[in-house]
Amino acid sequence: MNIETIEQTLTSELAVALYFSAPTCNVCHALKPKLLTAFDANFPQLQVISIDISETPEIASHFNVFAIPTLLVYLDGKEFLRKSRHMSVDQVVEEIKRPYDMMTS
């Protein structure tokens, strides 16, 4: 995965989530499966891209991500949501639900 591929995906897909993490981040590993389960249940058209900042720090800096875990959600090519560190899965779902449903119905 590189910046160009991600940027293409952001412009071509209706809903995209970028999840920034690192192998040394325990919170990242605990949160990711919960987010993926919630996204699968609520947002079937949401494409999730996982980015390991230890392997590709240039992608993190391109998106101004300086803390992990960080979740960026793009709707219709525009950044809609940015959450870092401590986030509630339910709150993330709640914030995305209405605009996502409006776009996909």
N, C-alpha and C. Protein backbone atom coordinates (compact mmCIF):
# COMPACT_ATOMS: atom_id res chain seq x y z
N MET A 1 0.86 -1.18 0.00
CA MET A 1 0.00 0.00 0.00
C MET A 1 0.90 1.24 0.00
N ASN A 2 0.54 2.19 -0.86
CA ASN A 2 1.28 3.45 -0.88
C ASN A 2 0.29 4.62 -0.92
N ILE A 3 0.82 5.83 -0.81
CA ILE A 3 -0.02 7.03 -0.72
C ILE A 3 -0.91 7.16 -1.96
N GLU A 4 -0.34 6.91 -3.14
CA GLU A 4 -1.10 7.07 -4.38
C GLU A 4 -2.29 6.10 -4.43
N THR A 5 -2.06 4.86 -4.04
CA THR A 5 -3.13 3.85 -4.04
C THR A 5 -4.23 4.24 -3.06
N ILE A 6 -3.83 4.71 -1.89
CA ILE A 6 -4.82 5.13 -0.89
C ILE A 6 -5.62 6.32 -1.41
N GLU A 7 -4.94 7.31 -1.97
CA GLU A 7 -5.63 8.49 -2.50
C GLU A 7 -6.62 8.09 -3.60
N GLN A 8 -6.23 7.15 -4.47
CA GLN A 8 -7.13 6.66 -5.51
C GLN A 8 -8.37 6.01 -4.90
N THR A 9 -8.15 5.21 -3.88
CA THR A 9 -9.25 4.53 -3.21
C THR A 9 -10.19 5.54 -2.58
N LEU A 10 -9.63 6.58 -1.97
CA LEU A 10 -10.46 7.61 -1.33
C LEU A 10 -11.36 8.32 -2.32
N THR A 11 -10.88 8.50 -3.54
CA THR A 11 -11.69 9.21 -4.53
C THR A 11 -12.64 8.28 -5.29
N SER A 12 -12.32 6.99 -5.35
CA SER A 12 -13.15 6.08 -6.15
C SER A 12 -14.21 5.33 -5.33
N GLU A 13 -14.01 5.22 -4.02
CA GLU A 13 -14.95 4.49 -3.18
C GLU A 13 -15.84 5.47 -2.40
N LEU A 14 -17.05 5.05 -2.11
CA LEU A 14 -18.00 5.90 -1.40
C LEU A 14 -17.61 6.11 0.06
N ALA A 15 -17.15 5.04 0.71
CA ALA A 15 -16.82 5.11 2.13
C ALA A 15 -15.54 4.31 2.39
N VAL A 16 -14.56 4.99 3.02
CA VAL A 16 -13.27 4.36 3.30
C VAL A 16 -12.84 4.73 4.72
N ALA A 17 -12.32 3.73 5.43
CA ALA A 17 -11.75 3.97 6.75
C ALA A 17 -10.27 3.63 6.71
N LEU A 18 -9.44 4.53 7.21
CA LEU A 18 -8.01 4.27 7.34
C LEU A 18 -7.73 4.05 8.82
N TYR A 19 -7.16 2.89 9.14
CA TYR A 19 -6.86 2.55 10.53
C TYR A 19 -5.35 2.47 10.69
N PHE A 20 -4.80 3.42 11.43
CA PHE A 20 -3.35 3.50 11.66
C PHE A 20 -3.00 2.84 12.97
N SER A 21 -2.03 1.92 12.92
CA SER A 21 -1.60 1.21 14.12
C SER A 21 -0.14 0.82 13.98
N ALA A 22 0.35 0.11 14.99
CA ALA A 22 1.72 -0.41 14.97
C ALA A 22 1.74 -1.73 15.75
N PRO A 23 2.69 -2.61 15.44
CA PRO A 23 2.76 -3.91 16.12
C PRO A 23 2.95 -3.80 17.63
N THR A 24 3.56 -2.72 18.09
CA THR A 24 3.84 -2.56 19.52
C THR A 24 2.68 -1.95 20.30
N CYS A 25 1.58 -1.63 19.62
CA CYS A 25 0.46 -0.95 20.26
C CYS A 25 -0.61 -1.96 20.68
N ASN A 26 -0.71 -2.22 21.97
CA ASN A 26 -1.70 -3.18 22.48
C ASN A 26 -3.13 -2.67 22.29
N VAL A 27 -3.33 -1.39 22.50
CA VAL A 27 -4.67 -0.81 22.31
C VAL A 27 -5.11 -0.99 20.86
N CYS A 28 -4.19 -0.79 19.93
CA CYS A 28 -4.50 -0.95 18.50
C CYS A 28 -5.03 -2.34 18.20
N HIS A 29 -4.36 -3.34 18.76
CA HIS A 29 -4.74 -4.74 18.50
C HIS A 29 -6.04 -5.12 19.18
N ALA A 30 -6.34 -4.52 20.31
CA ALA A 30 -7.61 -4.80 21.00
C ALA A 30 -8.78 -4.11 20.30
N LEU A 31 -8.54 -2.92 19.78
CA LEU A 31 -9.60 -2.12 19.18
C LEU A 31 -9.96 -2.57 17.76
N LYS A 32 -8.99 -2.96 16.99
CA LYS A 32 -9.22 -3.26 15.58
C LYS A 32 -10.31 -4.30 15.34
N PRO A 33 -10.29 -5.47 15.99
CA PRO A 33 -11.35 -6.44 15.71
C PRO A 33 -12.74 -5.94 16.10
N LYS A 34 -12.81 -5.13 17.14
CA LYS A 34 -14.10 -4.56 17.55
C LYS A 34 -14.63 -3.60 16.49
N LEU A 35 -13.73 -2.76 15.97
CA LEU A 35 -14.13 -1.83 14.91
C LEU A 35 -14.55 -2.59 13.66
N LEU A 36 -13.77 -3.59 13.26
CA LEU A 36 -14.10 -4.34 12.05
C LEU A 36 -15.45 -5.04 12.16
N THR A 37 -15.73 -5.60 13.32
CA THR A 37 -17.03 -6.26 13.55
C THR A 37 -18.17 -5.24 13.45
N ALA A 38 -17.98 -4.09 14.06
CA ALA A 38 -19.01 -3.04 14.02
C ALA A 38 -19.19 -2.51 12.60
N PHE A 39 -18.09 -2.34 11.87
CA PHE A 39 -18.18 -1.85 10.50
C PHE A 39 -18.88 -2.87 9.60
N ASP A 40 -18.54 -4.15 9.76
CA ASP A 40 -19.19 -5.20 8.96
C ASP A 40 -20.70 -5.22 9.21
N ALA A 41 -21.10 -5.05 10.46
CA ALA A 41 -22.51 -5.11 10.82
C ALA A 41 -23.29 -3.88 10.37
N ASN A 42 -22.64 -2.72 10.33
CA ASN A 42 -23.36 -1.47 10.08
C ASN A 42 -23.07 -0.80 8.75
N PHE A 43 -21.90 -1.05 8.19
CA PHE A 43 -21.47 -0.32 7.00
C PHE A 43 -20.89 -1.28 5.95
N PRO A 44 -21.74 -2.04 5.26
CA PRO A 44 -21.24 -3.06 4.34
C PRO A 44 -20.40 -2.51 3.18
N GLN A 45 -20.61 -1.25 2.81
CA GLN A 45 -19.85 -0.68 1.70
C GLN A 45 -18.60 0.06 2.14
N LEU A 46 -18.31 0.04 3.42
CA LEU A 46 -17.13 0.73 3.95
C LEU A 46 -15.89 -0.13 3.73
N GLN A 47 -14.93 0.41 3.01
CA GLN A 47 -13.68 -0.30 2.78
C GLN A 47 -12.69 0.13 3.86
N VAL A 48 -12.09 -0.83 4.56
CA VAL A 48 -11.15 -0.53 5.63
C VAL A 48 -9.73 -0.83 5.15
N ILE A 49 -8.87 0.15 5.31
CA ILE A 49 -7.45 0.00 4.97
C ILE A 49 -6.66 0.12 6.26
N SER A 50 -5.92 -0.92 6.59
CA SER A 50 -5.07 -0.91 7.79
C SER A 50 -3.66 -0.48 7.38
N ILE A 51 -3.11 0.45 8.15
CA ILE A 51 -1.79 0.99 7.85
C ILE A 51 -0.90 0.82 9.08
N ASP A 52 0.19 0.10 8.90
CA ASP A 52 1.18 -0.10 9.95
C ASP A 52 2.19 1.03 9.85
N ILE A 53 2.15 1.95 10.81
CA ILE A 53 3.01 3.13 10.71
C ILE A 53 4.49 2.80 10.91
N SER A 54 4.80 1.63 11.47
CA SER A 54 6.21 1.26 11.61
C SER A 54 6.80 0.85 10.25
N GLU A 55 5.95 0.38 9.34
CA GLU A 55 6.41 0.00 8.01
C GLU A 55 6.31 1.16 7.01
N THR A 56 5.32 2.01 7.19
CA THR A 56 5.09 3.11 6.23
C THR A 56 4.83 4.43 6.97
N PRO A 57 5.85 4.95 7.63
CA PRO A 57 5.64 6.21 8.37
C PRO A 57 5.30 7.39 7.45
N GLU A 58 5.69 7.31 6.18
CA GLU A 58 5.40 8.40 5.26
C GLU A 58 3.89 8.52 5.00
N ILE A 59 3.17 7.40 5.08
CA ILE A 59 1.71 7.46 4.89
C ILE A 59 1.08 8.15 6.10
N ALA A 60 1.55 7.82 7.29
CA ALA A 60 1.03 8.46 8.49
C ALA A 60 1.27 9.97 8.44
N SER A 61 2.46 10.38 8.07
CA SER A 61 2.74 11.82 8.03
C SER A 61 1.94 12.51 6.93
N HIS A 62 1.72 11.83 5.82
CA HIS A 62 0.91 12.40 4.73
C HIS A 62 -0.50 12.73 5.21
N PHE A 63 -1.05 11.88 6.08
CA PHE A 63 -2.40 12.10 6.60
C PHE A 63 -2.39 12.79 7.96
N ASN A 64 -1.26 13.35 8.36
CA ASN A 64 -1.12 14.06 9.63
C ASN A 64 -1.54 13.22 10.83
N VAL A 65 -1.09 11.98 10.83
CA VAL A 65 -1.37 11.06 11.93
C VAL A 65 -0.10 10.93 12.77
N PHE A 66 -0.20 11.33 14.04
CA PHE A 66 0.97 11.33 14.91
C PHE A 66 0.75 10.56 16.20
N ALA A 67 -0.41 9.89 16.32
CA ALA A 67 -0.72 9.07 17.49
C ALA A 67 -1.42 7.82 17.00
N ILE A 68 -1.27 6.74 17.76
CA ILE A 68 -1.95 5.51 17.39
C ILE A 68 -2.72 4.97 18.58
N PRO A 69 -3.80 4.27 18.38
CA PRO A 69 -4.45 4.10 17.08
C PRO A 69 -5.15 5.37 16.62
N THR A 70 -5.22 5.54 15.31
CA THR A 70 -5.98 6.64 14.73
C THR A 70 -6.88 6.06 13.64
N LEU A 71 -8.10 6.53 13.62
CA LEU A 71 -9.07 6.13 12.62
C LEU A 71 -9.50 7.37 11.84
N LEU A 72 -9.38 7.30 10.52
CA LEU A 72 -9.89 8.35 9.65
C LEU A 72 -10.98 7.73 8.79
N VAL A 73 -12.12 8.38 8.74
CA VAL A 73 -13.22 7.88 7.90
C VAL A 73 -13.50 8.93 6.83
N TYR A 74 -13.51 8.46 5.60
CA TYR A 74 -13.79 9.32 4.45
C TYR A 74 -15.12 8.91 3.85
N LEU A 75 -15.98 9.89 3.63
CA LEU A 75 -17.26 9.68 2.96
C LEU A 75 -17.28 10.55 1.72
N ASP A 76 -17.50 9.93 0.60
CA ASP A 76 -17.53 10.63 -0.69
C ASP A 76 -16.24 11.42 -0.93
N GLY A 77 -15.10 10.83 -0.55
CA GLY A 77 -13.80 11.43 -0.82
C GLY A 77 -13.35 12.50 0.14
N LYS A 78 -14.16 12.82 1.13
CA LYS A 78 -13.80 13.88 2.08
C LYS A 78 -13.66 13.29 3.48
N GLU A 79 -12.67 13.80 4.21
CA GLU A 79 -12.49 13.33 5.59
C GLU A 79 -13.71 13.75 6.39
N PHE A 80 -14.35 12.77 6.99
CA PHE A 80 -15.56 13.01 7.77
C PHE A 80 -15.32 12.86 9.27
N LEU A 81 -14.44 11.93 9.64
CA LEU A 81 -14.23 11.62 11.05
C LEU A 81 -12.76 11.32 11.30
N ARG A 82 -12.25 11.85 12.41
CA ARG A 82 -10.87 11.58 12.83
C ARG A 82 -10.90 11.32 14.32
N LYS A 83 -10.48 10.11 14.70
CA LYS A 83 -10.43 9.73 16.11
C LYS A 83 -9.04 9.18 16.39
N SER A 84 -8.50 9.55 17.53
CA SER A 84 -7.19 9.04 17.94
C SER A 84 -7.24 8.56 19.37
N ARG A 85 -6.36 7.61 19.62
CA ARG A 85 -6.17 7.03 20.95
C ARG A 85 -7.42 6.40 21.51
N HIS A 86 -8.03 7.02 22.49
CA HIS A 86 -9.17 6.42 23.18
C HIS A 86 -10.45 6.76 22.44
N MET A 87 -11.08 5.72 21.87
CA MET A 87 -12.33 5.95 21.15
C MET A 87 -13.31 4.83 21.47
N SER A 88 -14.55 5.18 21.48
CA SER A 88 -15.61 4.23 21.72
C SER A 88 -16.11 3.71 20.38
N VAL A 89 -16.18 2.41 20.23
CA VAL A 89 -16.67 1.83 18.98
C VAL A 89 -18.11 2.27 18.74
N ASP A 90 -18.93 2.25 19.78
CA ASP A 90 -20.33 2.67 19.64
C ASP A 90 -20.44 4.13 19.19
N GLN A 91 -19.58 4.98 19.74
CA GLN A 91 -19.61 6.39 19.37
C GLN A 91 -19.19 6.57 17.91
N VAL A 92 -18.17 5.83 17.47
CA VAL A 92 -17.73 5.91 16.08
C VAL A 92 -18.87 5.49 15.15
N VAL A 93 -19.53 4.39 15.47
CA VAL A 93 -20.65 3.91 14.66
C VAL A 93 -21.76 4.96 14.63
N GLU A 94 -22.08 5.51 15.78
CA GLU A 94 -23.14 6.51 15.87
C GLU A 94 -22.84 7.75 15.01
N GLU A 95 -21.58 8.17 15.01
CA GLU A 95 -21.21 9.37 14.24
C GLU A 95 -21.24 9.14 12.73
N ILE A 96 -20.98 7.92 12.31
CA ILE A 96 -20.94 7.62 10.88
C ILE A 96 -22.31 7.22 10.34
N LYS A 97 -23.15 6.64 11.18
CA LYS A 97 -24.39 5.97 10.75
C LYS A 97 -25.30 6.84 9.86
N ARG A 98 -25.68 7.98 10.34
CA ARG A 98 -26.65 8.79 9.59
C ARG A 98 -26.13 9.24 8.22
N PRO A 99 -24.94 9.87 8.15
CA PRO A 99 -24.47 10.28 6.82
C PRO A 99 -24.21 9.08 5.90
N TYR A 100 -23.72 7.98 6.45
CA TYR A 100 -23.48 6.78 5.64
C TYR A 100 -24.81 6.26 5.08
N ASP A 101 -25.82 6.17 5.93
CA ASP A 101 -27.12 5.69 5.48
C ASP A 101 -27.73 6.60 4.41
N MET A 102 -27.55 7.89 4.56
CA MET A 102 -28.06 8.84 3.57
C MET A 102 -27.36 8.66 2.22
N MET A 103 -26.08 8.39 2.25
CA MET A 103 -25.30 8.23 1.02
C MET A 103 -25.60 6.91 0.32
N THR A 104 -25.92 5.88 1.07
CA THR A 104 -26.05 4.55 0.48
C THR A 104 -27.50 4.13 0.23
N SER A 105 -28.45 4.96 0.62
CA SER A 105 -29.85 4.55 0.43
C SER A 105 -30.42 5.11 -0.88
